[in-house]
Amino acid sequence: MRLNKEDYRKAEGCLRRYNYNCITIINLRADAMSVGVPSYDGMPKAPYSISDSVFNQYVKLQEDKELQKALKEYKAVRLAYELVNSDCKEIFVTYYQQQKTKWGTMDKLGLSERTFLRRKKDLIYAVDKELKKLA
C-alpha cells in the first residue's frame, strides 16, 4: 500500500507534533482544573454544585478546536504505537520523541538505513490508518 504525499505528510506531522500535543492537552486541562468556585458571600455552598465559571470552562474545552485536533492526533499516535512492532516503537521514541537524527537513531538501535526507512514507513502507515478511523 502506498500513501499519497498529503496523507503521508499529515501522518508524519502527527508524529512530529506528538510532544507539542501532549503539552497543549496538559496545559488546557490544567487551566480548566484551576478554575474554582469563589465564595463571595461567606455562605456555605452545596458540595457538588457547578458554578457558572466551571460550566463555562467545560463548554470552552468541548468547543476548543485546537484541543479537539490535538486530542485526535494524540489518540491516533497512541493507538498506532500499540499496533506496531518493537522496532517501530523504538523509532518513535528515539526519532520523534527524543528528536535524535536519523543516523543517531539507526546507530542506537543497530538498524540498517533500509530497515530504518521500512519501519518508519510502517509506523507512518499505522498512524494514517488510525487517523482515518478517527475522522
C-alpha atoms as a PDB file:
ATOM      1  CA  MET A   1       0.000   0.000   0.000  1.00  0.00           C
ATOM      2  CA  ARG A   2       1.239   3.444  -0.831  1.00  0.00           C
ATOM      3  CA  LEU A   3       0.037   6.758   0.557  1.00  0.00           C
ATOM      4  CA  ASN A   4      -0.188   9.959  -1.406  1.00  0.00           C
ATOM      5  CA  LYS A   5       2.061  12.827  -0.342  1.00  0.00           C
ATOM      6  CA  GLU A   6      -0.624  14.715   1.534  1.00  0.00           C
ATOM      7  CA  ASP A   7      -1.642  11.768   3.716  1.00  0.00           C
ATOM      8  CA  TYR A   8       1.990  10.815   4.337  1.00  0.00           C
ATOM      9  CA  ARG A   9       2.892  14.351   5.442  1.00  0.00           C
ATOM     10  CA  LYS A  10      -0.206  14.584   7.619  1.00  0.00           C
ATOM     11  CA  ALA A  11       0.617  11.317   9.421  1.00  0.00           C
ATOM     12  CA  GLU A  12       4.277  12.225   9.850  1.00  0.00           C
ATOM     13  CA  GLY A  13       3.243  15.666  11.106  1.00  0.00           C
ATOM     14  CA  CYS A  14       1.138  13.974  13.798  1.00  0.00           C
ATOM     15  CA  LEU A  15       4.203  12.035  14.907  1.00  0.00           C
ATOM     16  CA  ARG A  16       6.363  15.155  14.942  1.00  0.00           C
ATOM     17  CA  ARG A  17       3.735  17.165  16.877  1.00  0.00           C
ATOM     18  CA  TYR A  18       3.201  14.436  19.481  1.00  0.00           C
ATOM     19  CA  ASN A  19       5.183  16.196  22.242  1.00  0.00           C
ATOM     20  CA  TYR A  20       3.557  19.542  21.425  1.00  0.00           C
ATOM     21  CA  ASN A  21       0.084  17.976  21.524  1.00  0.00           C
ATOM     22  CA  CYS A  22       0.801  16.408  24.923  1.00  0.00           C
ATOM     23  CA  ILE A  23       1.884  19.760  26.336  1.00  0.00           C
ATOM     24  CA  THR A  24      -1.147  21.513  24.815  1.00  0.00           C
ATOM     25  CA  ILE A  25      -3.549  18.980  26.325  1.00  0.00           C
ATOM     26  CA  ILE A  26      -1.912  19.177  29.739  1.00  0.00           C
ATOM     27  CA  ASN A  27      -1.905  22.988  29.764  1.00  0.00           C
ATOM     28  CA  LEU A  28      -5.518  23.378  28.668  1.00  0.00           C
ATOM     29  CA  ARG A  29      -6.741  20.801  31.154  1.00  0.00           C
ATOM     30  CA  ALA A  30      -4.675  22.355  33.938  1.00  0.00           C
ATOM     31  CA  ASP A  31      -6.265  25.722  33.160  1.00  0.00           C
ATOM     32  CA  ALA A  32      -9.693  24.132  33.371  1.00  0.00           C
ATOM     33  CA  MET A  33      -8.932  22.405  36.673  1.00  0.00           C
ATOM     34  CA  SER A  34      -7.596  25.597  38.244  1.00  0.00           C
ATOM     35  CA  VAL A  35     -10.983  27.265  37.922  1.00  0.00           C
ATOM     36  CA  GLY A  36     -12.575  27.182  41.345  1.00  0.00           C
ATOM     37  CA  VAL A  37     -15.773  28.318  42.923  1.00  0.00           C
ATOM     38  CA  PRO A  38     -15.121  31.529  44.814  1.00  0.00           C
ATOM     39  CA  SER A  39     -17.241  32.092  47.880  1.00  0.00           C
ATOM     40  CA  TYR A  40     -18.022  35.791  47.873  1.00  0.00           C
ATOM     41  CA  ASP A  41     -20.720  35.929  50.492  1.00  0.00           C
ATOM     42  CA  GLY A  42     -19.232  33.520  53.012  1.00  0.00           C
ATOM     43  CA  MET A  43     -22.258  31.260  52.898  1.00  0.00           C
ATOM     44  CA  PRO A  44     -21.715  27.526  52.525  1.00  0.00           C
ATOM     45  CA  LYS A  45     -22.337  26.069  49.085  1.00  0.00           C
ATOM     46  CA  ALA A  46     -23.649  22.681  48.045  1.00  0.00           C
ATOM     47  CA  PRO A  47     -20.676  20.317  47.715  1.00  0.00           C
ATOM     48  CA  TYR A  48     -21.439  19.199  44.162  1.00  0.00           C
ATOM     49  CA  SER A  49     -22.872  22.352  42.649  1.00  0.00           C
ATOM     50  CA  ILE A  50     -21.466  23.629  39.386  1.00  0.00           C
ATOM     51  CA  SER A  51     -20.718  27.304  39.219  1.00  0.00           C
ATOM     52  CA  ASP A  52     -21.077  29.338  36.056  1.00  0.00           C
ATOM     53  CA  SER A  53     -17.306  29.748  35.697  1.00  0.00           C
ATOM     54  CA  VAL A  54     -16.714  25.986  35.865  1.00  0.00           C
ATOM     55  CA  PHE A  55     -19.529  25.309  33.416  1.00  0.00           C
ATOM     56  CA  ASN A  56     -18.217  27.963  31.031  1.00  0.00           C
ATOM     57  CA  GLN A  57     -14.736  26.434  31.197  1.00  0.00           C
ATOM     58  CA  TYR A  58     -16.207  22.982  30.486  1.00  0.00           C
ATOM     59  CA  VAL A  59     -18.069  24.308  27.455  1.00  0.00           C
ATOM     60  CA  LYS A  60     -14.909  26.058  26.291  1.00  0.00           C
ATOM     61  CA  LEU A  61     -12.974  22.781  26.495  1.00  0.00           C
ATOM     62  CA  GLN A  62     -15.633  20.948  24.498  1.00  0.00           C
ATOM     63  CA  GLU A  63     -15.721  23.613  21.771  1.00  0.00           C
ATOM     64  CA  ASP A  64     -11.984  24.336  21.554  1.00  0.00           C
ATOM     65  CA  LYS A  65     -10.923  23.302  18.030  1.00  0.00           C
ATOM     66  CA  GLU A  66      -7.213  23.260  18.872  1.00  0.00           C
ATOM     67  CA  LEU A  67      -7.775  20.904  21.793  1.00  0.00           C
ATOM     68  CA  GLN A  68     -10.001  18.599  19.749  1.00  0.00           C
ATOM     69  CA  LYS A  69      -7.408  18.401  16.973  1.00  0.00           C
ATOM     70  CA  ALA A  70      -4.620  17.736  19.487  1.00  0.00           C
ATOM     71  CA  LEU A  71      -6.672  15.002  21.176  1.00  0.00           C
ATOM     72  CA  LYS A  72      -7.448  13.356  17.841  1.00  0.00           C
ATOM     73  CA  GLU A  73      -3.784  13.317  16.793  1.00  0.00           C
ATOM     74  CA  TYR A  74      -2.703  12.116  20.240  1.00  0.00           C
ATOM     75  CA  LYS A  75      -5.189   9.224  20.154  1.00  0.00           C
ATOM     76  CA  ALA A  76      -4.163   8.229  16.639  1.00  0.00           C
ATOM     77  CA  VAL A  77      -0.470   8.110  17.557  1.00  0.00           C
ATOM     78  CA  ARG A  78      -1.123   6.168  20.790  1.00  0.00           C
ATOM     79  CA  LEU A  79      -3.316   3.605  19.005  1.00  0.00           C
ATOM     80  CA  ALA A  80      -0.784   3.188  16.204  1.00  0.00           C
ATOM     81  CA  TYR A  81       2.016   2.831  18.771  1.00  0.00           C
ATOM     82  CA  GLU A  82       0.209  -0.126  20.319  1.00  0.00           C
ATOM     83  CA  LEU A  83      -0.245  -1.837  16.948  1.00  0.00           C
ATOM     84  CA  VAL A  84       3.304  -1.690  15.560  1.00  0.00           C
ATOM     85  CA  ASN A  85       6.308  -3.889  16.324  1.00  0.00           C
ATOM     86  CA  SER A  86       9.112  -3.139  18.772  1.00  0.00           C
ATOM     87  CA  ASP A  87      11.452  -1.592  16.171  1.00  0.00           C
ATOM     88  CA  CYS A  88       8.760   0.917  15.189  1.00  0.00           C
ATOM     89  CA  LYS A  89       8.164   1.712  18.852  1.00  0.00           C
ATOM     90  CA  GLU A  90      11.860   2.379  19.400  1.00  0.00           C
ATOM     91  CA  ILE A  91      11.988   4.560  16.296  1.00  0.00           C
ATOM     92  CA  PHE A  92       9.026   6.559  17.599  1.00  0.00           C
ATOM     93  CA  VAL A  93      10.667   7.083  20.978  1.00  0.00           C
ATOM     94  CA  THR A  94      14.132   7.995  19.750  1.00  0.00           C
ATOM     95  CA  TYR A  95      13.417   9.712  16.429  1.00  0.00           C
ATOM     96  CA  TYR A  96      10.155  11.534  17.149  1.00  0.00           C
ATOM     97  CA  GLN A  97      10.021  11.993  20.931  1.00  0.00           C
ATOM     98  CA  GLN A  98      13.702  12.455  21.734  1.00  0.00           C
ATOM     99  CA  GLN A  99      14.282  14.082  18.319  1.00  0.00           C
ATOM    100  CA  LYS A 100      17.547  12.352  17.528  1.00  0.00           C
ATOM    101  CA  THR A 101      18.829  12.390  13.985  1.00  0.00           C
ATOM    102  CA  LYS A 102      18.210   9.581  11.556  1.00  0.00           C
ATOM    103  CA  TRP A 103      21.796   8.393  11.874  1.00  0.00           C
ATOM    104  CA  GLY A 104      21.783   8.648  15.659  1.00  0.00           C
ATOM    105  CA  THR A 105      18.603   6.583  15.802  1.00  0.00           C
ATOM    106  CA  MET A 106      19.979   3.953  13.443  1.00  0.00           C
ATOM    107  CA  ASP A 107      23.208   3.761  15.456  1.00  0.00           C
ATOM    108  CA  LYS A 108      21.371   3.433  18.770  1.00  0.00           C
ATOM    109  CA  LEU A 109      19.006   0.732  17.514  1.00  0.00           C
ATOM    110  CA  GLY A 110      21.545  -1.093  15.360  1.00  0.00           C
ATOM    111  CA  LEU A 111      19.431  -0.878  12.202  1.00  0.00           C
ATOM    112  CA  SER A 112      20.495  -0.509   8.602  1.00  0.00           C
ATOM    113  CA  GLU A 113      19.278   2.517   6.699  1.00  0.00           C
ATOM    114  CA  ARG A 114      16.828   0.490   4.624  1.00  0.00           C
ATOM    115  CA  THR A 115      15.377  -1.245   7.705  1.00  0.00           C
ATOM    116  CA  PHE A 116      15.022   2.122   9.443  1.00  0.00           C
ATOM    117  CA  LEU A 117      13.111   3.560   6.489  1.00  0.00           C
ATOM    118  CA  ARG A 118      10.832   0.491   6.256  1.00  0.00           C
ATOM    119  CA  ARG A 119       9.998   0.551   9.967  1.00  0.00           C
ATOM    120  CA  LYS A 120       9.427   4.307   9.897  1.00  0.00           C
ATOM    121  CA  LYS A 121       7.107   3.853   6.911  1.00  0.00           C
ATOM    122  CA  ASP A 122       5.189   1.131   8.796  1.00  0.00           C
ATOM    123  CA  LEU A 123       4.743   3.496  11.732  1.00  0.00           C
ATOM    124  CA  ILE A 124       3.527   6.313   9.485  1.00  0.00           C
ATOM    125  CA  TYR A 125       1.078   3.985   7.709  1.00  0.00           C
ATOM    126  CA  ALA A 126      -0.301   2.837  11.074  1.00  0.00           C
ATOM    127  CA  VAL A 127      -0.825   6.451  12.161  1.00  0.00           C
ATOM    128  CA  ASP A 128      -2.545   7.258   8.865  1.00  0.00           C
ATOM    129  CA  LYS A 129      -4.866   4.284   9.272  1.00  0.00           C
ATOM    130  CA  GLU A 130      -5.796   5.372  12.805  1.00  0.00           C
ATOM    131  CA  LEU A 131      -6.352   8.968  11.685  1.00  0.00           C
ATOM    132  CA  LYS A 132      -8.786   7.755   9.031  1.00  0.00           C
ATOM    133  CA  LYS A 133     -10.612   5.641  11.638  1.00  0.00           C
ATOM    134  CA  LEU A 134     -10.987   8.639  13.962  1.00  0.00           C
ATOM    135  CA  ALA A 135     -12.146  11.008  11.196  1.00  0.00           C
END
